[in-house]
Amino acid sequence: MNRRHFIAAMSALAALPLLPKAARAAPERLPRGMVTFTFDDGIASNYQYALPILRSRGHLATAGIVVTRMLSGNNDYMSVDQVRELAASGWEIASHSLTHSRPIQIPKTYEQEPIADWHADQADGNLFQAQYEYERIAGLYQDGQTLKEVENLSQLRSVKGSYWHDQAIAELHVHPLRGGDPSGLGILAGSYQREMEQSKKMLAGLGFDVDTYIAPHNYWTEDVEAISRRYYRRACTGATATTAPRPSILSPSGVSWPTPGIPCSPTFASSRTTAWNTAGGWCSASTALATRPAGSRCRRKPWMASRPGWPGRTSRSSRSARGAG
């Protein structure tokens, strides 16, 4: 969707009646037709396009921030100051993790982070290697410090405190900050639990009040849900049969919402106008306009997909702007 189409969609939504204050104060049910917005990944066009368009119409949204991307200096993503302007405008700032990894790509918990069976490289005693069973590395850590990723063995030899992942043979090579006995290197591979906890801490350290987690790639399982409860009041997912064995999200009370294909439960709205929508196993914290009626069927077809030129992505919510279905 291009900018012109997005503006037209916003104009249509502006014609919808706003919720009365009483409806935003955590009622059991909200009026029909709720539309909520989330913008994942923290891309720069959220600030450039979505913020002024929504602001001109009196609407808010939720921005899911991938912390390392925000701090990368890459102008494809919003800077800290730009995200702060979103927050100052009334947007909710949510964690979208540290590195945007799936829990099946990296260790899930802190207990699974230690990497074992290191051995010294035969050609260079400063280097060590080990088999690595996961698909992706979401950061390597030694003695509390982050190791730097490099592109090949040549770079690895020249950069102390670095690593290179040879994915072709699932082998990890490191030039550690501290060498010695391979069994005592103490190198950790970043886990999904770390992604949840540290992203929240880092956002909080930058002044953002974060109590919502948006799952990267919509991947959601019961064990991931259990971890999320330690750090967040809300966990937002768009889980489908291809991204999770059993789609679910956390309610504010920590109870899982129903899976798709069964009647929708009532939504929940807090004083911060946080709308919980079971229509797609999803939640959002933005200006709530209404919700589809309880008892309607839970379906999972987003009414707007992310496309080139589109400044973000609409919520995985009920598609009242295009009709139910």
C-alpha atoms as a PDB file:
ATOM      1  CA  MET A   1       0.000   0.000   0.000  1.00  0.00           C
ATOM      2  CA  ASN A   2       1.381   3.390  -0.951  1.00  0.00           C
ATOM      3  CA  ARG A   3       1.106   6.624   0.990  1.00  0.00           C
ATOM      4  CA  ARG A   4      -1.954   7.820  -0.935  1.00  0.00           C
ATOM      5  CA  HIS A   5      -3.851   4.627  -0.153  1.00  0.00           C
ATOM      6  CA  PHE A   6      -2.786   4.801   3.479  1.00  0.00           C
ATOM      7  CA  ILE A   7      -4.072   8.359   3.795  1.00  0.00           C
ATOM      8  CA  ALA A   8      -7.369   7.289   2.217  1.00  0.00           C
ATOM      9  CA  ALA A   9      -7.673   4.455   4.732  1.00  0.00           C
ATOM     10  CA  MET A  10      -6.989   6.847   7.594  1.00  0.00           C
ATOM     11  CA  SER A  11      -9.663   9.200   6.283  1.00  0.00           C
ATOM     12  CA  ALA A  12     -12.176   6.376   6.295  1.00  0.00           C
ATOM     13  CA  LEU A  13     -11.264   5.481   9.854  1.00  0.00           C
ATOM     14  CA  ALA A  14     -11.587   9.104  10.925  1.00  0.00           C
ATOM     15  CA  ALA A  15     -15.261   8.887  10.050  1.00  0.00           C
ATOM     16  CA  LEU A  16     -15.766   6.190  12.686  1.00  0.00           C
ATOM     17  CA  PRO A  17     -17.110   7.436  16.028  1.00  0.00           C
ATOM     18  CA  LEU A  18     -14.524   7.576  18.781  1.00  0.00           C
ATOM     19  CA  LEU A  19     -15.093   5.473  21.840  1.00  0.00           C
ATOM     20  CA  PRO A  20     -16.725   7.298  24.732  1.00  0.00           C
ATOM     21  CA  LYS A  21     -14.502   7.626  27.790  1.00  0.00           C
ATOM     22  CA  ALA A  22     -16.569   5.059  29.654  1.00  0.00           C
ATOM     23  CA  ALA A  23     -15.786   2.485  26.998  1.00  0.00           C
ATOM     24  CA  ARG A  24     -12.058   3.058  27.435  1.00  0.00           C
ATOM     25  CA  ALA A  25     -12.127   2.400  31.165  1.00  0.00           C
ATOM     26  CA  ALA A  26     -11.781  -1.377  30.988  1.00  0.00           C
ATOM     27  CA  PRO A  27     -15.347  -2.442  30.193  1.00  0.00           C
ATOM     28  CA  GLU A  28     -16.247  -6.073  29.747  1.00  0.00           C
ATOM     29  CA  ARG A  29     -17.220  -5.419  26.132  1.00  0.00           C
ATOM     30  CA  LEU A  30     -16.464  -2.659  23.673  1.00  0.00           C
ATOM     31  CA  PRO A  31     -18.634  -1.429  20.804  1.00  0.00           C
ATOM     32  CA  ARG A  32     -18.420  -3.082  17.407  1.00  0.00           C
ATOM     33  CA  GLY A  33     -15.910  -2.187  14.726  1.00  0.00           C
ATOM     34  CA  MET A  34     -12.653  -1.764  16.649  1.00  0.00           C
ATOM     35  CA  VAL A  35      -9.595  -0.889  14.603  1.00  0.00           C
ATOM     36  CA  THR A  36      -6.157  -0.785  16.206  1.00  0.00           C
ATOM     37  CA  PHE A  37      -2.721  -0.227  14.712  1.00  0.00           C
ATOM     38  CA  THR A  38       0.726  -1.641  15.331  1.00  0.00           C
ATOM     39  CA  PHE A  39       3.921  -0.857  13.448  1.00  0.00           C
ATOM     40  CA  ASP A  40       6.567  -3.522  13.971  1.00  0.00           C
ATOM     41  CA  ASP A  41      10.357  -3.325  13.596  1.00  0.00           C
ATOM     42  CA  GLY A  42      10.762   0.418  14.188  1.00  0.00           C
ATOM     43  CA  ILE A  43      11.322   1.361  10.553  1.00  0.00           C
ATOM     44  CA  ALA A  44      11.907   5.040   9.775  1.00  0.00           C
ATOM     45  CA  SER A  45       8.744   5.458   7.726  1.00  0.00           C
ATOM     46  CA  ASN A  46       6.707   4.915  10.901  1.00  0.00           C
ATOM     47  CA  TYR A  47       7.994   8.297  12.022  1.00  0.00           C
ATOM     48  CA  GLN A  48       8.034   9.904   8.583  1.00  0.00           C
ATOM     49  CA  TYR A  49       4.543   8.893   7.452  1.00  0.00           C
ATOM     50  CA  ALA A  50       2.473   7.041  10.030  1.00  0.00           C
ATOM     51  CA  LEU A  51       2.986   9.469  12.922  1.00  0.00           C
ATOM     52  CA  PRO A  52       1.859  12.646  11.097  1.00  0.00           C
ATOM     53  CA  ILE A  53      -1.016  10.892   9.320  1.00  0.00           C
ATOM     54  CA  LEU A  54      -2.420   9.359  12.489  1.00  0.00           C
ATOM     55  CA  ARG A  55      -1.738  12.498  14.517  1.00  0.00           C
ATOM     56  CA  SER A  56      -3.711  14.646  12.064  1.00  0.00           C
ATOM     57  CA  ARG A  57      -6.710  12.386  12.635  1.00  0.00           C
ATOM     58  CA  GLY A  58      -6.382  12.074  16.374  1.00  0.00           C
ATOM     59  CA  HIS A  59      -5.370   8.399  16.341  1.00  0.00           C
ATOM     60  CA  LEU A  60      -2.627   6.572  18.227  1.00  0.00           C
ATOM     61  CA  ALA A  61      -0.788   3.323  17.628  1.00  0.00           C
ATOM     62  CA  THR A  62       1.759   0.904  19.063  1.00  0.00           C
ATOM     63  CA  ALA A  63       5.355   0.800  17.805  1.00  0.00           C
ATOM     64  CA  GLY A  64       7.204  -2.499  18.280  1.00  0.00           C
ATOM     65  CA  ILE A  65      10.908  -1.664  18.594  1.00  0.00           C
ATOM     66  CA  VAL A  66      13.797  -4.009  17.806  1.00  0.00           C
ATOM     67  CA  VAL A  67      16.315  -2.450  20.172  1.00  0.00           C
ATOM     68  CA  THR A  68      19.556  -3.249  18.342  1.00  0.00           C
ATOM     69  CA  ARG A  69      18.126  -1.797  15.138  1.00  0.00           C
ATOM     70  CA  MET A  70      17.081   1.416  16.879  1.00  0.00           C
ATOM     71  CA  LEU A  71      20.606   1.776  18.283  1.00  0.00           C
ATOM     72  CA  SER A  72      22.399   0.753  15.072  1.00  0.00           C
ATOM     73  CA  GLY A  73      22.603   4.207  13.499  1.00  0.00           C
ATOM     74  CA  ASN A  74      21.026   2.763  10.347  1.00  0.00           C
ATOM     75  CA  ASN A  75      18.659   5.426   9.009  1.00  0.00           C
ATOM     76  CA  ASP A  76      16.289   2.726   7.751  1.00  0.00           C
ATOM     77  CA  TYR A  77      15.166   2.565  11.385  1.00  0.00           C
ATOM     78  CA  MET A  78      13.921   5.182  13.791  1.00  0.00           C
ATOM     79  CA  SER A  79      16.445   6.747  16.132  1.00  0.00           C
ATOM     80  CA  VAL A  80      15.952   6.967  19.883  1.00  0.00           C
ATOM     81  CA  ASP A  81      14.859  10.599  19.560  1.00  0.00           C
ATOM     82  CA  GLN A  82      12.280   9.708  16.908  1.00  0.00           C
ATOM     83  CA  VAL A  83      10.866   6.909  19.048  1.00  0.00           C
ATOM     84  CA  ARG A  84      10.709   9.348  21.950  1.00  0.00           C
ATOM     85  CA  GLU A  85       8.628  11.687  19.795  1.00  0.00           C
ATOM     86  CA  LEU A  86       6.204   8.831  19.122  1.00  0.00           C
ATOM     87  CA  ALA A  87       5.928   8.197  22.847  1.00  0.00           C
ATOM     88  CA  ALA A  88       5.443  11.906  23.569  1.00  0.00           C
ATOM     89  CA  SER A  89       2.620  11.906  21.008  1.00  0.00           C
ATOM     90  CA  GLY A  90       0.811   9.193  22.947  1.00  0.00           C
ATOM     91  CA  TRP A  91       1.944   6.085  21.088  1.00  0.00           C
ATOM     92  CA  GLU A  92       2.714   2.989  23.102  1.00  0.00           C
ATOM     93  CA  ILE A  93       6.302   1.774  22.763  1.00  0.00           C
ATOM     94  CA  ALA A  94       6.546  -2.020  22.929  1.00  0.00           C
ATOM     95  CA  SER A  95       9.492  -4.378  22.828  1.00  0.00           C
ATOM     96  CA  HIS A  96       9.892  -6.342  19.623  1.00  0.00           C
ATOM     97  CA  SER A  97      13.007  -8.056  21.033  1.00  0.00           C
ATOM     98  CA  LEU A  98      16.725  -7.329  20.751  1.00  0.00           C
ATOM     99  CA  THR A  99      17.516  -8.936  17.383  1.00  0.00           C
ATOM    100  CA  HIS A 100      14.185 -10.127  15.937  1.00  0.00           C
ATOM    101  CA  SER A 101      14.964 -13.840  16.366  1.00  0.00           C
ATOM    102  CA  ARG A 102      12.595 -16.783  16.629  1.00  0.00           C
ATOM    103  CA  PRO A 103      12.843 -18.938  19.759  1.00  0.00           C
ATOM    104  CA  ILE A 104      13.540 -21.975  17.564  1.00  0.00           C
ATOM    105  CA  GLN A 105      16.585 -20.226  16.058  1.00  0.00           C
ATOM    106  CA  ILE A 106      18.398 -19.518  19.324  1.00  0.00           C
ATOM    107  CA  PRO A 107      18.465 -20.930  22.878  1.00  0.00           C
ATOM    108  CA  LYS A 108      15.186 -20.295  24.686  1.00  0.00           C
ATOM    109  CA  THR A 109      16.383 -19.745  28.247  1.00  0.00           C
ATOM    110  CA  TYR A 110      19.414 -18.481  30.138  1.00  0.00           C
ATOM    111  CA  GLU A 111      20.097 -22.044  31.242  1.00  0.00           C
ATOM    112  CA  GLN A 112      20.596 -23.060  27.609  1.00  0.00           C
ATOM    113  CA  GLU A 113      23.037 -20.239  26.786  1.00  0.00           C
ATOM    114  CA  PRO A 114      26.421 -21.793  27.751  1.00  0.00           C
ATOM    115  CA  ILE A 115      28.325 -23.232  24.791  1.00  0.00           C
ATOM    116  CA  ALA A 116      30.258 -26.391  25.624  1.00  0.00           C
ATOM    117  CA  ASP A 117      32.941 -28.566  23.998  1.00  0.00           C
ATOM    118  CA  TRP A 118      35.287 -25.809  22.896  1.00  0.00           C
ATOM    119  CA  HIS A 119      38.691 -26.813  21.581  1.00  0.00           C
ATOM    120  CA  ALA A 120      41.667 -24.752  20.483  1.00  0.00           C
ATOM    121  CA  ASP A 121      42.213 -24.132  16.801  1.00  0.00           C
ATOM    122  CA  GLN A 122      45.162 -26.245  15.644  1.00  0.00           C
ATOM    123  CA  ALA A 123      46.531 -23.467  13.441  1.00  0.00           C
ATOM    124  CA  ASP A 124      46.121 -20.573  15.907  1.00  0.00           C
ATOM    125  CA  GLY A 125      46.139 -21.010  19.658  1.00  0.00           C
ATOM    126  CA  ASN A 126      44.288 -17.718  20.175  1.00  0.00           C
ATOM    127  CA  LEU A 127      41.210 -19.096  18.443  1.00  0.00           C
ATOM    128  CA  PHE A 128      38.683 -21.661  19.642  1.00  0.00           C
ATOM    129  CA  GLN A 129      35.909 -23.540  17.914  1.00  0.00           C
ATOM    130  CA  ALA A 130      32.847 -25.611  18.784  1.00  0.00           C
ATOM    131  CA  GLN A 131      29.819 -27.093  17.114  1.00  0.00           C
ATOM    132  CA  TYR A 132      26.789 -24.800  17.364  1.00  0.00           C
ATOM    133  CA  GLU A 133      23.382 -26.457  17.269  1.00  0.00           C
ATOM    134  CA  TYR A 134      21.219 -23.410  16.636  1.00  0.00           C
ATOM    135  CA  GLU A 135      20.430 -21.706  13.338  1.00  0.00           C
ATOM    136  CA  ARG A 136      21.192 -18.167  14.434  1.00  0.00           C
ATOM    137  CA  ILE A 137      23.336 -16.252  16.891  1.00  0.00           C
ATOM    138  CA  ALA A 138      21.585 -13.423  18.698  1.00  0.00           C
ATOM    139  CA  GLY A 139      24.804 -12.234  20.306  1.00  0.00           C
ATOM    140  CA  LEU A 140      27.752 -13.954  22.017  1.00  0.00           C
ATOM    141  CA  TYR A 141      28.872 -12.885  25.476  1.00  0.00           C
ATOM    142  CA  GLN A 142      31.976 -13.462  27.572  1.00  0.00           C
ATOM    143  CA  ASP A 143      32.385 -12.081  31.077  1.00  0.00           C
ATOM    144  CA  GLY A 144      29.425  -9.792  30.519  1.00  0.00           C
ATOM    145  CA  GLN A 145      30.859  -8.268  27.355  1.00  0.00           C
ATOM    146  CA  THR A 146      29.471  -8.648  23.846  1.00  0.00           C
ATOM    147  CA  LEU A 147      31.653 -10.282  21.215  1.00  0.00           C
ATOM    148  CA  LYS A 148      31.759  -8.736  17.752  1.00  0.00           C
ATOM    149  CA  GLU A 149      30.640 -10.695  14.699  1.00  0.00           C
ATOM    150  CA  VAL A 150      33.092 -10.802  11.785  1.00  0.00           C
ATOM    151  CA  GLU A 151      32.760 -12.172   8.263  1.00  0.00           C
ATOM    152  CA  ASN A 152      35.612 -14.686   7.980  1.00  0.00           C
ATOM    153  CA  LEU A 153      38.542 -16.352   9.732  1.00  0.00           C
ATOM    154  CA  SER A 154      40.999 -13.730   8.526  1.00  0.00           C
ATOM    155  CA  GLN A 155      39.074 -10.993  10.303  1.00  0.00           C
ATOM    156  CA  LEU A 156      38.643 -13.240  13.330  1.00  0.00           C
ATOM    157  CA  ARG A 157      42.416 -13.580  13.779  1.00  0.00           C
ATOM    158  CA  SER A 158      42.898  -9.815  13.827  1.00  0.00           C
ATOM    159  CA  VAL A 159      39.984  -8.864  16.107  1.00  0.00           C
ATOM    160  CA  LYS A 160      40.164  -9.945  19.729  1.00  0.00           C
ATOM    161  CA  GLY A 161      36.706 -10.386  21.213  1.00  0.00           C
ATOM    162  CA  SER A 162      35.089 -11.529  17.971  1.00  0.00           C
ATOM    163  CA  TYR A 163      33.352 -14.557  16.476  1.00  0.00           C
ATOM    164  CA  TRP A 164      32.547 -16.089  13.111  1.00  0.00           C
ATOM    165  CA  HIS A 165      29.723 -18.570  12.546  1.00  0.00           C
ATOM    166  CA  ASP A 166      30.407 -21.032   9.729  1.00  0.00           C
ATOM    167  CA  GLN A 167      26.809 -21.963   8.998  1.00  0.00           C
ATOM    168  CA  ALA A 168      27.744 -24.402   6.249  1.00  0.00           C
ATOM    169  CA  ILE A 169      29.141 -26.841   8.811  1.00  0.00           C
ATOM    170  CA  ALA A 170      27.390 -25.458  11.938  1.00  0.00           C
ATOM    171  CA  GLU A 171      30.691 -24.507  13.537  1.00  0.00           C
ATOM    172  CA  LEU A 172      31.386 -21.497  15.709  1.00  0.00           C
ATOM    173  CA  HIS A 173      34.835 -19.860  15.820  1.00  0.00           C
ATOM    174  CA  VAL A 174      35.815 -17.299  18.461  1.00  0.00           C
ATOM    175  CA  HIS A 175      38.758 -15.070  19.283  1.00  0.00           C
ATOM    176  CA  PRO A 176      37.831 -14.610  22.938  1.00  0.00           C
ATOM    177  CA  LEU A 177      38.559 -11.668  25.178  1.00  0.00           C
ATOM    178  CA  ARG A 178      40.002 -14.190  27.612  1.00  0.00           C
ATOM    179  CA  GLY A 179      41.630 -17.421  26.481  1.00  0.00           C
ATOM    180  CA  GLY A 180      43.121 -20.268  28.466  1.00  0.00           C
ATOM    181  CA  ASP A 181      41.463 -23.593  29.236  1.00  0.00           C
ATOM    182  CA  PRO A 182      38.739 -24.194  26.613  1.00  0.00           C
ATOM    183  CA  SER A 183      36.404 -25.558  29.294  1.00  0.00           C
ATOM    184  CA  GLY A 184      36.596 -22.255  31.165  1.00  0.00           C
ATOM    185  CA  LEU A 185      35.871 -19.800  28.372  1.00  0.00           C
ATOM    186  CA  GLY A 186      32.380 -19.151  29.726  1.00  0.00           C
ATOM    187  CA  ILE A 187      30.979 -17.993  26.394  1.00  0.00           C
ATOM    188  CA  LEU A 188      27.200 -17.603  26.214  1.00  0.00           C
ATOM    189  CA  ALA A 189      24.895 -17.499  23.194  1.00  0.00           C
ATOM    190  CA  GLY A 190      22.047 -15.005  23.565  1.00  0.00           C
ATOM    191  CA  SER A 191      18.711 -16.638  24.363  1.00  0.00           C
ATOM    192  CA  TYR A 192      15.097 -15.721  23.705  1.00  0.00           C
ATOM    193  CA  GLN A 193      14.695 -15.055  27.408  1.00  0.00           C
ATOM    194  CA  ARG A 194      17.551 -12.563  27.177  1.00  0.00           C
ATOM    195  CA  GLU A 195      15.821 -10.996  24.159  1.00  0.00           C
ATOM    196  CA  MET A 196      12.709 -10.434  26.266  1.00  0.00           C
ATOM    197  CA  GLU A 197      14.365  -9.241  29.446  1.00  0.00           C
ATOM    198  CA  GLN A 198      17.208  -7.133  28.081  1.00  0.00           C
ATOM    199  CA  SER A 199      15.142  -5.387  25.412  1.00  0.00           C
ATOM    200  CA  LYS A 200      12.754  -4.206  28.117  1.00  0.00           C
ATOM    201  CA  LYS A 201      15.605  -3.105  30.375  1.00  0.00           C
ATOM    202  CA  MET A 202      17.340  -1.232  27.574  1.00  0.00           C
ATOM    203  CA  LEU A 203      14.142   0.534  26.534  1.00  0.00           C
ATOM    204  CA  ALA A 204      13.434   1.414  30.160  1.00  0.00           C
ATOM    205  CA  GLY A 205      16.964   2.790  30.467  1.00  0.00           C
ATOM    206  CA  LEU A 206      16.192   5.119  27.568  1.00  0.00           C
ATOM    207  CA  GLY A 207      13.087   6.386  29.322  1.00  0.00           C
ATOM    208  CA  PHE A 208      10.378   4.221  27.724  1.00  0.00           C
ATOM    209  CA  ASP A 209       7.623   2.682  29.842  1.00  0.00           C
ATOM    210  CA  VAL A 210       7.322  -0.793  28.309  1.00  0.00           C
ATOM    211  CA  ASP A 211       4.951  -3.518  29.431  1.00  0.00           C
ATOM    212  CA  THR A 212       4.022  -5.079  26.067  1.00  0.00           C
ATOM    213  CA  TYR A 213       6.015  -7.614  24.067  1.00  0.00           C
ATOM    214  CA  ILE A 214       5.336  -8.192  20.355  1.00  0.00           C
ATOM    215  CA  ALA A 215       6.602 -11.576  19.211  1.00  0.00           C
ATOM    216  CA  PRO A 216       9.034 -11.463  16.262  1.00  0.00           C
ATOM    217  CA  HIS A 217       7.787 -13.386  13.223  1.00  0.00           C
ATOM    218  CA  ASN A 218       4.569 -14.003  15.210  1.00  0.00           C
ATOM    219  CA  TYR A 219       6.156 -17.161  16.627  1.00  0.00           C
ATOM    220  CA  TRP A 220       4.463 -18.161  19.878  1.00  0.00           C
ATOM    221  CA  THR A 221       4.433 -21.316  21.975  1.00  0.00           C
ATOM    222  CA  GLU A 222       3.379 -22.197  25.493  1.00  0.00           C
ATOM    223  CA  ASP A 223       6.927 -22.209  26.850  1.00  0.00           C
ATOM    224  CA  VAL A 224       7.649 -18.812  25.291  1.00  0.00           C
ATOM    225  CA  GLU A 225       4.401 -17.553  26.784  1.00  0.00           C
ATOM    226  CA  ALA A 226       5.501 -18.734  30.216  1.00  0.00           C
ATOM    227  CA  ILE A 227       8.787 -16.825  29.885  1.00  0.00           C
ATOM    228  CA  SER A 228       7.031 -13.665  28.759  1.00  0.00           C
ATOM    229  CA  ARG A 229       4.925 -13.566  31.929  1.00  0.00           C
ATOM    230  CA  ARG A 230       8.042 -12.857  33.962  1.00  0.00           C
ATOM    231  CA  TYR A 231       8.642  -9.545  32.232  1.00  0.00           C
ATOM    232  CA  TYR A 232       5.492  -8.229  30.534  1.00  0.00           C
ATOM    233  CA  ARG A 233       1.842  -7.556  31.297  1.00  0.00           C
ATOM    234  CA  ARG A 234       0.895  -8.196  27.675  1.00  0.00           C
ATOM    235  CA  ALA A 235       2.309 -10.392  24.940  1.00  0.00           C
ATOM    236  CA  CYS A 236       1.117  -9.721  21.404  1.00  0.00           C
ATOM    237  CA  THR A 237       1.202 -12.400  18.756  1.00  0.00           C
ATOM    238  CA  GLY A 238      -0.190 -13.063  15.343  1.00  0.00           C
ATOM    239  CA  ALA A 239       0.475 -16.748  15.671  1.00  0.00           C
ATOM    240  CA  THR A 240      -0.851 -19.081  13.003  1.00  0.00           C
ATOM    241  CA  ALA A 241      -0.633 -22.795  12.381  1.00  0.00           C
ATOM    242  CA  THR A 242       2.683 -22.180  10.609  1.00  0.00           C
ATOM    243  CA  THR A 243       4.238 -20.111  13.385  1.00  0.00           C
ATOM    244  CA  ALA A 244       3.110 -21.884  16.531  1.00  0.00           C
ATOM    245  CA  PRO A 245       1.735 -25.270  17.532  1.00  0.00           C
ATOM    246  CA  ARG A 246      -1.046 -23.628  19.539  1.00  0.00           C
ATOM    247  CA  PRO A 247      -1.625 -19.911  18.984  1.00  0.00           C
ATOM    248  CA  SER A 248      -2.417 -17.985  22.122  1.00  0.00           C
ATOM    249  CA  ILE A 249      -1.759 -14.692  23.839  1.00  0.00           C
ATOM    250  CA  LEU A 250      -1.691 -13.542  27.405  1.00  0.00           C
ATOM    251  CA  SER A 251      -4.603 -11.713  28.855  1.00  0.00           C
ATOM    252  CA  PRO A 252      -3.845  -9.062  31.486  1.00  0.00           C
ATOM    253  CA  SER A 253      -4.557 -11.699  34.102  1.00  0.00           C
ATOM    254  CA  GLY A 254      -2.061 -14.080  32.516  1.00  0.00           C
ATOM    255  CA  VAL A 255      -4.722 -16.375  31.046  1.00  0.00           C
ATOM    256  CA  SER A 256      -4.344 -17.566  27.464  1.00  0.00           C
ATOM    257  CA  TRP A 257      -6.899 -16.412  24.972  1.00  0.00           C
ATOM    258  CA  PRO A 258      -8.682 -18.980  22.811  1.00  0.00           C
ATOM    259  CA  THR A 259      -7.266 -20.384  19.622  1.00  0.00           C
ATOM    260  CA  PRO A 260      -8.690 -19.460  16.208  1.00  0.00           C
ATOM    261  CA  GLY A 261     -11.903 -21.007  14.997  1.00  0.00           C
ATOM    262  CA  ILE A 262     -13.804 -20.768  18.264  1.00  0.00           C
ATOM    263  CA  PRO A 263     -16.071 -17.910  19.355  1.00  0.00           C
ATOM    264  CA  CYS A 264     -14.166 -14.791  20.366  1.00  0.00           C
ATOM    265  CA  SER A 265     -13.999 -13.845  24.007  1.00  0.00           C
ATOM    266  CA  PRO A 266     -14.790 -10.297  25.135  1.00  0.00           C
ATOM    267  CA  THR A 267     -11.961  -7.854  24.601  1.00  0.00           C
ATOM    268  CA  PHE A 268     -10.286  -5.937  27.357  1.00  0.00           C
ATOM    269  CA  ALA A 269      -9.344  -2.271  27.475  1.00  0.00           C
ATOM    270  CA  SER A 270      -7.308  -0.661  30.217  1.00  0.00           C
ATOM    271  CA  SER A 271      -7.177   2.984  31.167  1.00  0.00           C
ATOM    272  CA  ARG A 272      -4.359   3.256  28.627  1.00  0.00           C
ATOM    273  CA  THR A 273      -6.795   2.104  25.911  1.00  0.00           C
ATOM    274  CA  THR A 274      -5.089  -1.234  25.510  1.00  0.00           C
ATOM    275  CA  ALA A 275      -7.290  -3.389  23.328  1.00  0.00           C
ATOM    276  CA  TRP A 276      -7.086  -7.151  23.465  1.00  0.00           C
ATOM    277  CA  ASN A 277      -8.407  -8.738  20.298  1.00  0.00           C
ATOM    278  CA  THR A 278      -8.801 -12.507  20.105  1.00  0.00           C
ATOM    279  CA  ALA A 279      -9.855 -12.450  16.460  1.00  0.00           C
ATOM    280  CA  GLY A 280      -6.323 -13.192  15.360  1.00  0.00           C
ATOM    281  CA  GLY A 281      -4.596 -14.278  18.542  1.00  0.00           C
ATOM    282  CA  TRP A 282      -3.408 -10.683  18.789  1.00  0.00           C
ATOM    283  CA  CYS A 283      -3.453  -7.638  21.000  1.00  0.00           C
ATOM    284  CA  SER A 284      -2.584  -4.008  20.656  1.00  0.00           C
ATOM    285  CA  ALA A 285      -2.277  -0.954  22.821  1.00  0.00           C
ATOM    286  CA  SER A 286      -3.527   1.994  20.813  1.00  0.00           C
ATOM    287  CA  THR A 287      -6.577   4.162  20.427  1.00  0.00           C
ATOM    288  CA  ALA A 288      -9.433   1.694  20.441  1.00  0.00           C
ATOM    289  CA  LEU A 289     -12.346   2.560  18.163  1.00  0.00           C
ATOM    290  CA  ALA A 290     -14.492  -0.532  18.760  1.00  0.00           C
ATOM    291  CA  THR A 291     -14.383  -4.311  18.534  1.00  0.00           C
ATOM    292  CA  ARG A 292     -16.171  -7.044  16.653  1.00  0.00           C
ATOM    293  CA  PRO A 293     -18.982  -8.521  18.733  1.00  0.00           C
ATOM    294  CA  ALA A 294     -18.392 -11.341  21.152  1.00  0.00           C
ATOM    295  CA  GLY A 295     -19.485 -14.628  19.674  1.00  0.00           C
ATOM    296  CA  SER A 296     -18.258 -13.851  16.170  1.00  0.00           C
ATOM    297  CA  ARG A 297     -15.877 -16.349  14.635  1.00  0.00           C
ATOM    298  CA  CYS A 298     -12.175 -15.883  15.200  1.00  0.00           C
ATOM    299  CA  ARG A 299     -10.386 -15.589  11.898  1.00  0.00           C
ATOM    300  CA  ARG A 300      -6.849 -14.752  11.062  1.00  0.00           C
ATOM    301  CA  LYS A 301      -6.715 -12.877   7.759  1.00  0.00           C
ATOM    302  CA  PRO A 302      -4.978  -9.505   8.111  1.00  0.00           C
ATOM    303  CA  TRP A 303      -6.822  -6.966   5.983  1.00  0.00           C
ATOM    304  CA  MET A 304      -3.640  -5.159   4.994  1.00  0.00           C
ATOM    305  CA  ALA A 305      -0.342  -6.892   4.421  1.00  0.00           C
ATOM    306  CA  SER A 306       3.024  -5.194   4.605  1.00  0.00           C
ATOM    307  CA  ARG A 307       4.105  -4.058   1.150  1.00  0.00           C
ATOM    308  CA  PRO A 308       6.907  -1.907  -0.311  1.00  0.00           C
ATOM    309  CA  GLY A 309       6.167   1.764   0.259  1.00  0.00           C
ATOM    310  CA  TRP A 310       3.718   1.064   3.059  1.00  0.00           C
ATOM    311  CA  PRO A 311       4.823   2.949   6.180  1.00  0.00           C
ATOM    312  CA  GLY A 312       4.104   0.054   8.500  1.00  0.00           C
ATOM    313  CA  ARG A 313       1.591  -2.694   8.974  1.00  0.00           C
ATOM    314  CA  THR A 314      -1.931  -2.583  10.214  1.00  0.00           C
ATOM    315  CA  SER A 315      -2.854  -4.556  13.229  1.00  0.00           C
ATOM    316  CA  ARG A 316      -3.593  -8.227  13.057  1.00  0.00           C
ATOM    317  CA  SER A 317      -7.010  -7.302  14.357  1.00  0.00           C
ATOM    318  CA  SER A 318     -10.567  -7.566  13.164  1.00  0.00           C
ATOM    319  CA  ARG A 319     -10.859  -6.076   9.722  1.00  0.00           C
ATOM    320  CA  SER A 320     -13.780  -3.746  10.270  1.00  0.00           C
ATOM    321  CA  ALA A 321     -12.482  -1.234   7.717  1.00  0.00           C
ATOM    322  CA  ARG A 322     -13.005  -3.870   5.051  1.00  0.00           C
ATOM    323  CA  GLY A 323     -15.870  -5.709   6.722  1.00  0.00           C
ATOM    324  CA  ALA A 324     -15.914  -8.859   8.808  1.00  0.00           C
ATOM    325  CA  GLY A 325     -14.865 -12.173   7.377  1.00  0.00           C
END
